[in-house]
PDB file of N, CA and C in Angstrom:
ATOM      1  N   UNK A   1      -0.620  -6.001  15.832  1.00  0.00           N
ATOM      2  CA  UNK A   1       0.048  -5.869  14.531  1.00  0.00           C
ATOM      3  C   UNK A   1      -0.175  -7.143  13.725  1.00  0.00           C
ATOM      4  N   UNK A   2      -0.550  -6.967  12.474  1.00  0.00           N
ATOM      5  CA  UNK A   2      -0.866  -8.128  11.648  1.00  0.00           C
ATOM      6  C   UNK A   2       0.394  -8.896  11.282  1.00  0.00           C
ATOM      7  N   UNK A   3       0.298 -10.216  11.370  1.00  0.00           N
ATOM      8  CA  UNK A   3       1.461 -11.037  11.011  1.00  0.00           C
ATOM      9  C   UNK A   3       1.673 -10.992   9.504  1.00  0.00           C
ATOM     10  N   UNK A   4       2.910 -10.801   9.092  1.00  0.00           N
ATOM     11  CA  UNK A   4       3.223 -10.663   7.683  1.00  0.00           C
ATOM     12  C   UNK A   4       3.559 -12.015   7.084  1.00  0.00           C
ATOM     13  N   UNK A   5       2.608 -12.556   6.318  1.00  0.00           N
ATOM     14  CA  UNK A   5       2.850 -13.812   5.607  1.00  0.00           C
ATOM     15  C   UNK A   5       3.245 -13.448   4.178  1.00  0.00           C
ATOM     16  N   UNK A   6       2.657 -14.114   3.203  1.00  0.00           N
ATOM     17  CA  UNK A   6       2.875 -13.698   1.825  1.00  0.00           C
ATOM     18  C   UNK A   6       1.853 -12.613   1.522  1.00  0.00           C
ATOM     19  N   UNK A   7       2.300 -11.414   1.172  1.00  0.00           N
ATOM     20  CA  UNK A   7       1.377 -10.305   0.933  1.00  0.00           C
ATOM     21  C   UNK A   7       0.514 -10.559  -0.297  1.00  0.00           C
ATOM     22  N   UNK A   8      -0.755 -10.234  -0.201  1.00  0.00           N
ATOM     23  CA  UNK A   8      -1.646 -10.408  -1.336  1.00  0.00           C
ATOM     24  C   UNK A   8      -1.420  -9.274  -2.339  1.00  0.00           C
ATOM     25  N   UNK A   9      -1.819  -9.516  -3.568  1.00  0.00           N
ATOM     26  CA  UNK A   9      -1.611  -8.516  -4.618  1.00  0.00           C
ATOM     27  C   UNK A   9      -2.356  -7.229  -4.288  1.00  0.00           C
ATOM     28  N   UNK A  10      -3.555  -7.363  -3.736  1.00  0.00           N
ATOM     29  CA  UNK A  10      -4.349  -6.180  -3.394  1.00  0.00           C
ATOM     30  C   UNK A  10      -3.645  -5.318  -2.364  1.00  0.00           C
ATOM     31  N   UNK A  11      -3.055  -5.956  -1.358  1.00  0.00           N
ATOM     32  CA  UNK A  11      -2.386  -5.204  -0.298  1.00  0.00           C
ATOM     33  C   UNK A  11      -1.170  -4.471  -0.838  1.00  0.00           C
ATOM     34  N   UNK A  12      -0.404  -5.145  -1.686  1.00  0.00           N
ATOM     35  CA  UNK A  12       0.811  -4.546  -2.230  1.00  0.00           C
ATOM     36  C   UNK A  12       0.468  -3.398  -3.169  1.00  0.00           C
ATOM     37  N   UNK A  13      -0.508  -3.602  -4.043  1.00  0.00           N
ATOM     38  CA  UNK A  13      -0.877  -2.561  -4.997  1.00  0.00           C
ATOM     39  C   UNK A  13      -1.461  -1.351  -4.284  1.00  0.00           C
ATOM     40  N   UNK A  14      -2.236  -1.600  -3.223  1.00  0.00           N
ATOM     41  CA  UNK A  14      -2.817  -0.510  -2.447  1.00  0.00           C
ATOM     42  C   UNK A  14      -1.723   0.300  -1.774  1.00  0.00           C
ATOM     43  N   UNK A  15      -0.732  -0.397  -1.244  1.00  0.00           N
ATOM     44  CA  UNK A  15       0.386   0.266  -0.586  1.00  0.00           C
ATOM     45  C   UNK A  15       1.149   1.122  -1.590  1.00  0.00           C
ATOM     46  N   UNK A  16       1.351   0.602  -2.774  1.00  0.00           N
ATOM     47  CA  UNK A  16       2.074   1.340  -3.807  1.00  0.00           C
ATOM     48  C   UNK A  16       1.279   2.562  -4.247  1.00  0.00           C
ATOM     49  N   UNK A  17      -0.041   2.417  -4.334  1.00  0.00           N
ATOM     50  CA  UNK A  17      -0.879   3.539  -4.748  1.00  0.00           C
ATOM     51  C   UNK A  17      -0.817   4.665  -3.733  1.00  0.00           C
ATOM     52  N   UNK A  18      -0.871   4.321  -2.471  1.00  0.00           N
ATOM     53  CA  UNK A  18      -0.823   5.325  -1.408  1.00  0.00           C
ATOM     54  C   UNK A  18       0.521   6.042  -1.426  1.00  0.00           C
ATOM     55  N   UNK A  19       1.602   5.290  -1.629  1.00  0.00           N
ATOM     56  CA  UNK A  19       2.935   5.871  -1.625  1.00  0.00           C
ATOM     57  C   UNK A  19       3.184   6.728  -2.863  1.00  0.00           C
ATOM     58  N   UNK A  20       2.445   6.467  -3.946  1.00  0.00           N
ATOM     59  CA  UNK A  20       2.656   7.214  -5.177  1.00  0.00           C
ATOM     60  C   UNK A  20       2.019   8.598  -5.104  1.00  0.00           C
ATOM     61  N   UNK A  21       1.046   8.759  -4.193  1.00  0.00           N
ATOM     62  CA  UNK A  21       0.390  10.055  -4.056  1.00  0.00           C
ATOM     63  C   UNK A  21       1.148  10.946  -3.089  1.00  0.00           C
ATOM     64  N   UNK A  22       1.327  12.188  -3.466  1.00  0.00           N
ATOM     65  CA  UNK A  22       1.929  13.136  -2.537  1.00  0.00           C
ATOM     66  C   UNK A  22       0.804  13.944  -1.895  1.00  0.00           C
ATOM     67  N   UNK A  23       0.978  14.418  -0.671  1.00  0.00           N
ATOM     68  CA  UNK A  23      -0.055  15.173   0.037  1.00  0.00           C
ATOM     69  C   UNK A  23      -0.538  16.397  -0.739  1.00  0.00           C
ATOM     70  N   UNK A  24       0.313  16.974  -1.551  1.00  0.00           N
ATOM     71  CA  UNK A  24      -0.053  18.170  -2.294  1.00  0.00           C
ATOM     72  C   UNK A  24      -1.067  17.849  -3.392  1.00  0.00           C
ATOM     73  N   UNK A  25      -1.036  16.619  -3.902  1.00  0.00           N
ATOM     74  CA  UNK A  25      -1.928  16.252  -4.995  1.00  0.00           C
ATOM     75  C   UNK A  25      -3.321  15.918  -4.498  1.00  0.00           C
ATOM     76  N   UNK A  26      -3.441  15.536  -3.252  1.00  0.00           N
ATOM     77  CA  UNK A  26      -4.725  15.095  -2.721  1.00  0.00           C
ATOM     78  C   UNK A  26      -5.627  16.294  -2.391  1.00  0.00           C
TER      79      UNK A  26
END
């Protein structure tokens, strides 16, 4: 498991993008 330091902007934005999509839309 990756150690959680200060999250980079790319990681946070990617996480938000994935969470914003619902399985029905994909």
